[in-house]
Amino acid sequence: MTNKRTTWRTSRAGFTLIELLIVVGIISLLLSILLPCLSRAKTLTRKTVCAVNIRHLHQAFMLYLMENDGKYFPYQENLTDGTLWYWGFEPAGASSEEGSRPVDTGRARLAPYFQHAGAMQICPEARRISTHFKPKFNLAGYGYAINRCMLHDGAGNKRYDQITKPWETVAWADSMQINTWQEPASPSNPMLEEWYYLDNRINCPATFHFRHGGLCNSAFADGSVRELSPFWLDSRCDGQVGRPEQAVPPSKVSYLLQLDK
């Protein structure tokens, strides 16, 4: 009698094949439900980090304006020792090869203000771009660009108080452009690259990048951060470079970029 009970208990010590298949099936079902949720959570987290970055960037911009009587900085300035782009300094005589050009972001126009507005970082979605990407410098910038109308035009007469509808005027946005004219890019090998001002003229490359699930994070002149939907997307490269509204003639400024509406 004892031997029979021992034998029965031993035979039940493991799972049967059917039980194992059921367990595997349940685990597979749970994974099929959880993995998309985790992926969406990661995507939302990257979008949120980007929104915080772009808000800090705009806050730093506002601090700069407060100290400079509301006047904008130039896109670039030629100095005796090199070129001061608004996002960093490129020393004279350094490598001019795309991807290896040195730039000192510590000398960026807004660098002194980040300690008060919040540390500036690269958009996490921009950091993940690997295919079709052509770097311009030996390190990345922000992945964002400023409204071209908010750059000093040489006359010194453009001021922040010219903005009549700040809640409808884009100041900064996720940005990339498609390059076809600088090696290793070519007309037959278009490549993505960082770009630094937003333009929507029909004769200029599109510079808005809709990399957050088909949307573009944008900081408006009133300080809010909102998402823009694409009006048109370029199918080349990642298919995410485009325009938020219809392109305008070279002599015009599209509505979202206008200061005086």
C-alpha atoms as a PDB file:
ATOM      1  CA  MET A   1       0.000   0.000   0.000  1.00  0.00           C
ATOM      2  CA  THR A   2       2.807   2.379   0.905  1.00  0.00           C
ATOM      3  CA  ASN A   3       4.654   1.659  -2.343  1.00  0.00           C
ATOM      4  CA  LYS A   4       1.590   2.486  -4.440  1.00  0.00           C
ATOM      5  CA  ARG A   5       1.142   5.862  -2.712  1.00  0.00           C
ATOM      6  CA  THR A   6       4.821   6.676  -3.181  1.00  0.00           C
ATOM      7  CA  THR A   7       4.636   5.776  -6.873  1.00  0.00           C
ATOM      8  CA  TRP A   8       1.519   7.932  -7.350  1.00  0.00           C
ATOM      9  CA  ARG A   9       3.072  10.943  -5.648  1.00  0.00           C
ATOM     10  CA  THR A  10       6.267  10.565  -7.706  1.00  0.00           C
ATOM     11  CA  SER A  11       4.331  10.466 -10.948  1.00  0.00           C
ATOM     12  CA  ARG A  12       2.668  13.797 -10.015  1.00  0.00           C
ATOM     13  CA  ALA A  13       5.934  15.532  -9.074  1.00  0.00           C
ATOM     14  CA  GLY A  14       6.325  17.253 -12.494  1.00  0.00           C
ATOM     15  CA  PHE A  15       4.134  19.008 -15.083  1.00  0.00           C
ATOM     16  CA  THR A  16       2.576  17.121 -17.930  1.00  0.00           C
ATOM     17  CA  LEU A  17       3.255  18.267 -21.495  1.00  0.00           C
ATOM     18  CA  ILE A  18      -0.244  19.694 -21.758  1.00  0.00           C
ATOM     19  CA  GLU A  19       0.218  21.697 -18.541  1.00  0.00           C
ATOM     20  CA  LEU A  20       3.549  23.084 -19.793  1.00  0.00           C
ATOM     21  CA  LEU A  21       1.947  24.114 -23.085  1.00  0.00           C
ATOM     22  CA  ILE A  22      -0.853  25.862 -21.215  1.00  0.00           C
ATOM     23  CA  VAL A  23       1.670  27.755 -19.026  1.00  0.00           C
ATOM     24  CA  VAL A  24       3.736  28.759 -22.090  1.00  0.00           C
ATOM     25  CA  GLY A  25       0.566  29.882 -23.846  1.00  0.00           C
ATOM     26  CA  ILE A  26      -0.482  32.036 -20.879  1.00  0.00           C
ATOM     27  CA  ILE A  27       2.995  33.618 -20.658  1.00  0.00           C
ATOM     28  CA  SER A  28       2.973  34.319 -24.412  1.00  0.00           C
ATOM     29  CA  LEU A  29      -0.461  35.924 -24.136  1.00  0.00           C
ATOM     30  CA  LEU A  30       0.645  38.119 -21.246  1.00  0.00           C
ATOM     31  CA  LEU A  31       3.778  39.176 -23.138  1.00  0.00           C
ATOM     32  CA  SER A  32       1.740  40.026 -26.235  1.00  0.00           C
ATOM     33  CA  ILE A  33      -0.367  42.310 -24.045  1.00  0.00           C
ATOM     34  CA  LEU A  34       2.444  43.814 -21.953  1.00  0.00           C
ATOM     35  CA  LEU A  35       5.145  44.434 -24.569  1.00  0.00           C
ATOM     36  CA  PRO A  36       3.104  46.922 -26.669  1.00  0.00           C
ATOM     37  CA  CYS A  37       2.163  48.700 -23.423  1.00  0.00           C
ATOM     38  CA  LEU A  38       5.827  48.914 -22.409  1.00  0.00           C
ATOM     39  CA  SER A  39       6.760  50.169 -25.872  1.00  0.00           C
ATOM     40  CA  ARG A  40       4.085  52.865 -25.722  1.00  0.00           C
ATOM     41  CA  ALA A  41       5.234  53.833 -22.220  1.00  0.00           C
ATOM     42  CA  LYS A  42       8.827  54.233 -23.433  1.00  0.00           C
ATOM     43  CA  THR A  43       7.664  56.312 -26.404  1.00  0.00           C
ATOM     44  CA  LEU A  44       5.577  58.531 -24.122  1.00  0.00           C
ATOM     45  CA  THR A  45       8.531  58.920 -21.755  1.00  0.00           C
ATOM     46  CA  ARG A  46      10.820  60.052 -24.588  1.00  0.00           C
ATOM     47  CA  LYS A  47       8.181  62.515 -25.787  1.00  0.00           C
ATOM     48  CA  THR A  48       7.825  63.895 -22.248  1.00  0.00           C
ATOM     49  CA  VAL A  49      11.594  64.270 -21.824  1.00  0.00           C
ATOM     50  CA  CYS A  50      11.702  66.121 -25.148  1.00  0.00           C
ATOM     51  CA  ALA A  51       8.889  68.447 -24.027  1.00  0.00           C
ATOM     52  CA  VAL A  52      10.843  69.259 -20.849  1.00  0.00           C
ATOM     53  CA  ASN A  53      14.002  69.879 -22.886  1.00  0.00           C
ATOM     54  CA  ILE A  54      12.312  72.247 -25.287  1.00  0.00           C
ATOM     55  CA  ARG A  55      10.613  74.112 -22.423  1.00  0.00           C
ATOM     56  CA  HIS A  56      14.025  74.597 -20.756  1.00  0.00           C
ATOM     57  CA  LEU A  57      15.450  75.786 -24.063  1.00  0.00           C
ATOM     58  CA  HIS A  58      12.705  78.392 -24.411  1.00  0.00           C
ATOM     59  CA  GLN A  59      13.099  79.488 -20.784  1.00  0.00           C
ATOM     60  CA  ALA A  60      16.828  80.010 -21.383  1.00  0.00           C
ATOM     61  CA  PHE A  61      15.919  82.013 -24.496  1.00  0.00           C
ATOM     62  CA  MET A  62      13.592  84.216 -22.433  1.00  0.00           C
ATOM     63  CA  LEU A  63      16.326  84.840 -19.859  1.00  0.00           C
ATOM     64  CA  TYR A  64      18.675  85.864 -22.662  1.00  0.00           C
ATOM     65  CA  LEU A  65      16.071  88.283 -24.028  1.00  0.00           C
ATOM     66  CA  MET A  66      15.506  89.814 -20.598  1.00  0.00           C
ATOM     67  CA  GLU A  67      19.203  90.641 -20.365  1.00  0.00           C
ATOM     68  CA  ASN A  68      19.411  91.920 -23.948  1.00  0.00           C
ATOM     69  CA  ASP A  69      16.474  94.309 -24.132  1.00  0.00           C
ATOM     70  CA  GLY A  70      14.334  91.806 -26.018  1.00  0.00           C
ATOM     71  CA  LYS A  71      16.704  91.742 -29.003  1.00  0.00           C
ATOM     72  CA  TYR A  72      17.464  88.482 -30.786  1.00  0.00           C
ATOM     73  CA  PHE A  73      20.897  86.937 -31.283  1.00  0.00           C
ATOM     74  CA  PRO A  74      22.339  86.332 -34.780  1.00  0.00           C
ATOM     75  CA  TYR A  75      22.437  82.920 -36.405  1.00  0.00           C
ATOM     76  CA  GLN A  76      26.225  83.239 -36.694  1.00  0.00           C
ATOM     77  CA  GLU A  77      28.934  85.760 -35.969  1.00  0.00           C
ATOM     78  CA  ASN A  78      32.409  85.732 -37.508  1.00  0.00           C
ATOM     79  CA  LEU A  79      35.019  86.316 -34.810  1.00  0.00           C
ATOM     80  CA  THR A  80      38.806  86.587 -35.085  1.00  0.00           C
ATOM     81  CA  ASP A  81      39.286  83.055 -33.733  1.00  0.00           C
ATOM     82  CA  GLY A  82      36.363  81.321 -35.433  1.00  0.00           C
ATOM     83  CA  THR A  83      32.625  81.258 -36.001  1.00  0.00           C
ATOM     84  CA  LEU A  84      30.113  81.680 -33.210  1.00  0.00           C
ATOM     85  CA  TRP A  85      26.977  79.822 -34.208  1.00  0.00           C
ATOM     86  CA  TYR A  86      24.149  80.403 -31.776  1.00  0.00           C
ATOM     87  CA  TRP A  87      24.416  76.761 -30.590  1.00  0.00           C
ATOM     88  CA  GLY A  88      28.233  76.753 -30.171  1.00  0.00           C
ATOM     89  CA  PHE A  89      31.643  77.992 -31.253  1.00  0.00           C
ATOM     90  CA  GLU A  90      33.579  76.498 -34.183  1.00  0.00           C
ATOM     91  CA  PRO A  91      37.299  77.440 -34.050  1.00  0.00           C
ATOM     92  CA  ALA A  92      39.066  78.754 -37.135  1.00  0.00           C
ATOM     93  CA  GLY A  93      41.388  76.374 -38.966  1.00  0.00           C
ATOM     94  CA  ALA A  94      39.699  73.260 -37.584  1.00  0.00           C
ATOM     95  CA  SER A  95      38.494  70.320 -39.654  1.00  0.00           C
ATOM     96  CA  SER A  96      35.818  71.266 -42.166  1.00  0.00           C
ATOM     97  CA  GLU A  97      34.830  67.676 -42.880  1.00  0.00           C
ATOM     98  CA  GLU A  98      31.172  66.996 -42.153  1.00  0.00           C
ATOM     99  CA  GLY A  99      30.812  64.936 -39.004  1.00  0.00           C
ATOM    100  CA  SER A 100      34.200  65.897 -37.568  1.00  0.00           C
ATOM    101  CA  ARG A 101      33.886  69.691 -37.320  1.00  0.00           C
ATOM    102  CA  PRO A 102      34.617  70.622 -33.686  1.00  0.00           C
ATOM    103  CA  VAL A 103      32.106  72.793 -31.823  1.00  0.00           C
ATOM    104  CA  ASP A 104      32.193  74.112 -28.261  1.00  0.00           C
ATOM    105  CA  THR A 105      28.598  74.143 -26.991  1.00  0.00           C
ATOM    106  CA  GLY A 106      29.813  75.796 -23.793  1.00  0.00           C
ATOM    107  CA  ARG A 107      30.046  79.014 -25.804  1.00  0.00           C
ATOM    108  CA  ALA A 108      26.508  78.740 -27.163  1.00  0.00           C
ATOM    109  CA  ARG A 109      24.394  81.883 -26.852  1.00  0.00           C
ATOM    110  CA  LEU A 110      22.070  80.253 -24.345  1.00  0.00           C
ATOM    111  CA  ALA A 111      24.645  78.175 -22.439  1.00  0.00           C
ATOM    112  CA  PRO A 112      24.980  80.671 -19.533  1.00  0.00           C
ATOM    113  CA  TYR A 113      21.230  80.497 -18.930  1.00  0.00           C
ATOM    114  CA  PHE A 114      20.769  76.745 -18.760  1.00  0.00           C
ATOM    115  CA  GLN A 115      21.898  76.641 -15.129  1.00  0.00           C
ATOM    116  CA  HIS A 116      18.852  78.750 -14.282  1.00  0.00           C
ATOM    117  CA  ALA A 117      16.360  77.417 -16.824  1.00  0.00           C
ATOM    118  CA  GLY A 118      17.341  73.742 -16.569  1.00  0.00           C
ATOM    119  CA  ALA A 119      20.058  71.578 -18.082  1.00  0.00           C
ATOM    120  CA  MET A 120      19.798  71.286 -21.859  1.00  0.00           C
ATOM    121  CA  GLN A 121      19.869  67.798 -23.346  1.00  0.00           C
ATOM    122  CA  ILE A 122      19.383  66.194 -26.726  1.00  0.00           C
ATOM    123  CA  CYS A 123      15.909  64.962 -27.600  1.00  0.00           C
ATOM    124  CA  PRO A 124      15.944  61.204 -26.816  1.00  0.00           C
ATOM    125  CA  GLU A 125      14.179  60.400 -30.095  1.00  0.00           C
ATOM    126  CA  ALA A 126      16.794  62.371 -32.033  1.00  0.00           C
ATOM    127  CA  ARG A 127      19.518  60.485 -30.185  1.00  0.00           C
ATOM    128  CA  ARG A 128      18.079  57.176 -31.422  1.00  0.00           C
ATOM    129  CA  ILE A 129      18.326  58.062 -35.122  1.00  0.00           C
ATOM    130  CA  SER A 130      20.917  55.791 -36.711  1.00  0.00           C
ATOM    131  CA  THR A 131      19.907  55.158 -40.316  1.00  0.00           C
ATOM    132  CA  HIS A 132      20.117  57.886 -42.966  1.00  0.00           C
ATOM    133  CA  PHE A 133      21.846  60.190 -40.450  1.00  0.00           C
ATOM    134  CA  LYS A 134      24.735  62.509 -41.365  1.00  0.00           C
ATOM    135  CA  PRO A 135      26.302  64.367 -38.416  1.00  0.00           C
ATOM    136  CA  LYS A 136      27.473  67.922 -39.013  1.00  0.00           C
ATOM    137  CA  PHE A 137      29.770  68.332 -36.019  1.00  0.00           C
ATOM    138  CA  ASN A 138      31.814  66.039 -33.799  1.00  0.00           C
ATOM    139  CA  LEU A 139      29.033  66.097 -31.221  1.00  0.00           C
ATOM    140  CA  ALA A 140      25.293  66.571 -31.334  1.00  0.00           C
ATOM    141  CA  GLY A 141      23.437  69.801 -30.655  1.00  0.00           C
ATOM    142  CA  TYR A 142      19.903  69.802 -29.313  1.00  0.00           C
ATOM    143  CA  GLY A 143      17.819  68.292 -32.082  1.00  0.00           C
ATOM    144  CA  TYR A 144      15.782  71.524 -31.982  1.00  0.00           C
ATOM    145  CA  ALA A 145      15.631  74.673 -34.094  1.00  0.00           C
ATOM    146  CA  ILE A 146      14.529  78.266 -33.570  1.00  0.00           C
ATOM    147  CA  ASN A 147      11.997  80.239 -35.603  1.00  0.00           C
ATOM    148  CA  ARG A 148      14.093  81.957 -38.292  1.00  0.00           C
ATOM    149  CA  CYS A 149      12.173  85.197 -37.678  1.00  0.00           C
ATOM    150  CA  MET A 150      13.565  85.228 -34.130  1.00  0.00           C
ATOM    151  CA  LEU A 151      17.136  85.587 -35.336  1.00  0.00           C
ATOM    152  CA  HIS A 152      18.949  88.935 -35.540  1.00  0.00           C
ATOM    153  CA  ASP A 153      18.693  90.133 -39.147  1.00  0.00           C
ATOM    154  CA  GLY A 154      21.613  92.582 -39.180  1.00  0.00           C
ATOM    155  CA  ALA A 155      19.467  95.681 -38.817  1.00  0.00           C
ATOM    156  CA  GLY A 156      18.912  95.122 -35.106  1.00  0.00           C
ATOM    157  CA  ASN A 157      15.269  96.150 -35.296  1.00  0.00           C
ATOM    158  CA  LYS A 158      13.645  92.800 -34.503  1.00  0.00           C
ATOM    159  CA  ARG A 159      12.411  92.415 -30.938  1.00  0.00           C
ATOM    160  CA  TYR A 160      10.426  89.888 -28.972  1.00  0.00           C
ATOM    161  CA  ASP A 161       7.685  92.430 -28.235  1.00  0.00           C
ATOM    162  CA  GLN A 162       6.801  92.426 -31.947  1.00  0.00           C
ATOM    163  CA  ILE A 163       5.012  89.110 -31.429  1.00  0.00           C
ATOM    164  CA  THR A 164       1.306  89.927 -31.499  1.00  0.00           C
ATOM    165  CA  LYS A 165      -0.061  86.418 -30.899  1.00  0.00           C
ATOM    166  CA  PRO A 166       2.543  84.535 -28.851  1.00  0.00           C
ATOM    167  CA  TRP A 167       0.166  81.611 -28.224  1.00  0.00           C
ATOM    168  CA  GLU A 168       0.044  81.026 -32.004  1.00  0.00           C
ATOM    169  CA  THR A 169       3.717  81.672 -32.792  1.00  0.00           C
ATOM    170  CA  VAL A 170       6.235  78.818 -32.751  1.00  0.00           C
ATOM    171  CA  ALA A 171       9.568  79.697 -31.137  1.00  0.00           C
ATOM    172  CA  TRP A 172      11.315  76.286 -31.099  1.00  0.00           C
ATOM    173  CA  ALA A 173      10.472  72.857 -32.499  1.00  0.00           C
ATOM    174  CA  ASP A 174      11.868  69.374 -33.104  1.00  0.00           C
ATOM    175  CA  SER A 175      14.005  69.747 -36.194  1.00  0.00           C
ATOM    176  CA  MET A 176      15.953  67.848 -38.839  1.00  0.00           C
ATOM    177  CA  GLN A 177      16.454  68.484 -42.506  1.00  0.00           C
ATOM    178  CA  ILE A 178      17.237  66.260 -45.476  1.00  0.00           C
ATOM    179  CA  ASN A 179      20.638  66.924 -47.029  1.00  0.00           C
ATOM    180  CA  THR A 180      21.398  65.934 -50.632  1.00  0.00           C
ATOM    181  CA  TRP A 181      24.356  68.230 -51.388  1.00  0.00           C
ATOM    182  CA  GLN A 182      27.151  67.440 -48.896  1.00  0.00           C
ATOM    183  CA  GLU A 183      29.077  64.169 -48.877  1.00  0.00           C
ATOM    184  CA  PRO A 184      28.343  61.485 -47.933  1.00  0.00           C
ATOM    185  CA  ALA A 185      24.825  62.673 -48.816  1.00  0.00           C
ATOM    186  CA  SER A 186      23.859  63.075 -52.469  1.00  0.00           C
ATOM    187  CA  PRO A 187      20.675  63.324 -54.576  1.00  0.00           C
ATOM    188  CA  SER A 188      20.670  59.529 -54.805  1.00  0.00           C
ATOM    189  CA  ASN A 189      21.558  59.149 -51.105  1.00  0.00           C
ATOM    190  CA  PRO A 190      19.515  61.708 -49.092  1.00  0.00           C
ATOM    191  CA  MET A 191      20.482  61.874 -45.426  1.00  0.00           C
ATOM    192  CA  LEU A 192      19.085  63.394 -42.256  1.00  0.00           C
ATOM    193  CA  GLU A 193      21.065  66.042 -40.432  1.00  0.00           C
ATOM    194  CA  GLU A 194      20.540  68.379 -37.512  1.00  0.00           C
ATOM    195  CA  TRP A 195      19.272  71.797 -38.466  1.00  0.00           C
ATOM    196  CA  TYR A 196      19.047  74.977 -36.465  1.00  0.00           C
ATOM    197  CA  TYR A 197      16.284  77.270 -37.757  1.00  0.00           C
ATOM    198  CA  LEU A 198      12.682  76.662 -38.735  1.00  0.00           C
ATOM    199  CA  ASP A 199      11.633  77.686 -42.227  1.00  0.00           C
ATOM    200  CA  ASN A 200       8.515  76.993 -44.239  1.00  0.00           C
ATOM    201  CA  ARG A 201       9.297  78.746 -47.514  1.00  0.00           C
ATOM    202  CA  ILE A 202       8.732  76.656 -50.600  1.00  0.00           C
ATOM    203  CA  ASN A 203      12.299  77.206 -51.861  1.00  0.00           C
ATOM    204  CA  CYS A 204      13.889  75.973 -48.599  1.00  0.00           C
ATOM    205  CA  PRO A 205      14.192  72.419 -47.261  1.00  0.00           C
ATOM    206  CA  ALA A 206      11.562  71.408 -44.739  1.00  0.00           C
ATOM    207  CA  THR A 207      12.968  71.625 -41.212  1.00  0.00           C
ATOM    208  CA  PHE A 208      10.211  70.373 -38.864  1.00  0.00           C
ATOM    209  CA  HIS A 209      10.701  66.798 -37.631  1.00  0.00           C
ATOM    210  CA  PHE A 210       7.586  64.839 -36.634  1.00  0.00           C
ATOM    211  CA  ARG A 211       9.478  62.172 -34.711  1.00  0.00           C
ATOM    212  CA  HIS A 212       7.122  61.633 -31.784  1.00  0.00           C
ATOM    213  CA  GLY A 213       4.556  59.245 -33.166  1.00  0.00           C
ATOM    214  CA  GLY A 214       3.985  61.493 -36.164  1.00  0.00           C
ATOM    215  CA  LEU A 215       3.914  64.681 -34.072  1.00  0.00           C
ATOM    216  CA  CYS A 216       6.397  67.514 -33.532  1.00  0.00           C
ATOM    217  CA  ASN A 217       7.028  68.973 -30.067  1.00  0.00           C
ATOM    218  CA  SER A 218       6.997  72.768 -30.255  1.00  0.00           C
ATOM    219  CA  ALA A 219       7.562  75.593 -27.779  1.00  0.00           C
ATOM    220  CA  PHE A 220       5.348  78.576 -28.492  1.00  0.00           C
ATOM    221  CA  ALA A 221       6.243  82.174 -27.742  1.00  0.00           C
ATOM    222  CA  ASP A 222       3.877  82.223 -24.755  1.00  0.00           C
ATOM    223  CA  GLY A 223       5.961  79.494 -23.087  1.00  0.00           C
ATOM    224  CA  SER A 224       3.578  76.605 -23.727  1.00  0.00           C
ATOM    225  CA  VAL A 225       4.778  73.345 -25.277  1.00  0.00           C
ATOM    226  CA  ARG A 226       2.351  71.703 -27.679  1.00  0.00           C
ATOM    227  CA  GLU A 227       2.390  69.165 -30.499  1.00  0.00           C
ATOM    228  CA  LEU A 228       2.111  70.024 -34.179  1.00  0.00           C
ATOM    229  CA  SER A 229       0.622  67.661 -36.745  1.00  0.00           C
ATOM    230  CA  PRO A 230       2.130  67.418 -40.233  1.00  0.00           C
ATOM    231  CA  PHE A 231       0.542  69.147 -43.200  1.00  0.00           C
ATOM    232  CA  TRP A 232       3.041  67.426 -45.508  1.00  0.00           C
ATOM    233  CA  LEU A 233       5.782  64.837 -44.996  1.00  0.00           C
ATOM    234  CA  ASP A 234       8.809  64.063 -47.157  1.00  0.00           C
ATOM    235  CA  SER A 235       8.818  60.332 -47.897  1.00  0.00           C
ATOM    236  CA  ARG A 236      12.635  60.148 -48.007  1.00  0.00           C
ATOM    237  CA  CYS A 237      14.830  58.922 -45.128  1.00  0.00           C
ATOM    238  CA  ASP A 238      12.622  58.300 -42.084  1.00  0.00           C
ATOM    239  CA  GLY A 239       9.529  59.905 -43.603  1.00  0.00           C
ATOM    240  CA  GLN A 240       9.209  62.268 -40.614  1.00  0.00           C
ATOM    241  CA  VAL A 241      10.641  65.528 -41.973  1.00  0.00           C
ATOM    242  CA  GLY A 242       7.931  67.845 -43.188  1.00  0.00           C
ATOM    243  CA  ARG A 243       5.874  71.002 -42.797  1.00  0.00           C
ATOM    244  CA  PRO A 244       3.133  71.842 -40.256  1.00  0.00           C
ATOM    245  CA  GLU A 245       1.285  74.019 -42.757  1.00  0.00           C
ATOM    246  CA  GLN A 246       1.336  74.784 -46.455  1.00  0.00           C
ATOM    247  CA  ALA A 247       4.647  76.161 -47.733  1.00  0.00           C
ATOM    248  CA  VAL A 248       4.715  79.855 -48.645  1.00  0.00           C
ATOM    249  CA  PRO A 249       6.510  81.820 -51.408  1.00  0.00           C
ATOM    250  CA  PRO A 250      10.091  82.993 -50.728  1.00  0.00           C
ATOM    251  CA  SER A 251       8.941  86.525 -49.844  1.00  0.00           C
ATOM    252  CA  LYS A 252       6.384  85.342 -47.275  1.00  0.00           C
ATOM    253  CA  VAL A 253       6.402  83.895 -43.754  1.00  0.00           C
ATOM    254  CA  SER A 254       4.046  81.073 -42.854  1.00  0.00           C
ATOM    255  CA  TYR A 255       1.480  81.776 -40.159  1.00  0.00           C
ATOM    256  CA  LEU A 256       3.065  79.697 -37.386  1.00  0.00           C
ATOM    257  CA  LEU A 257       6.375  81.558 -37.798  1.00  0.00           C
ATOM    258  CA  GLN A 258       5.028  85.096 -38.210  1.00  0.00           C
ATOM    259  CA  LEU A 259       5.775  87.584 -35.449  1.00  0.00           C
ATOM    260  CA  ASP A 260       3.284  90.228 -36.555  1.00  0.00           C
ATOM    261  CA  LYS A 261       0.095  88.436 -37.556  1.00  0.00           C
END
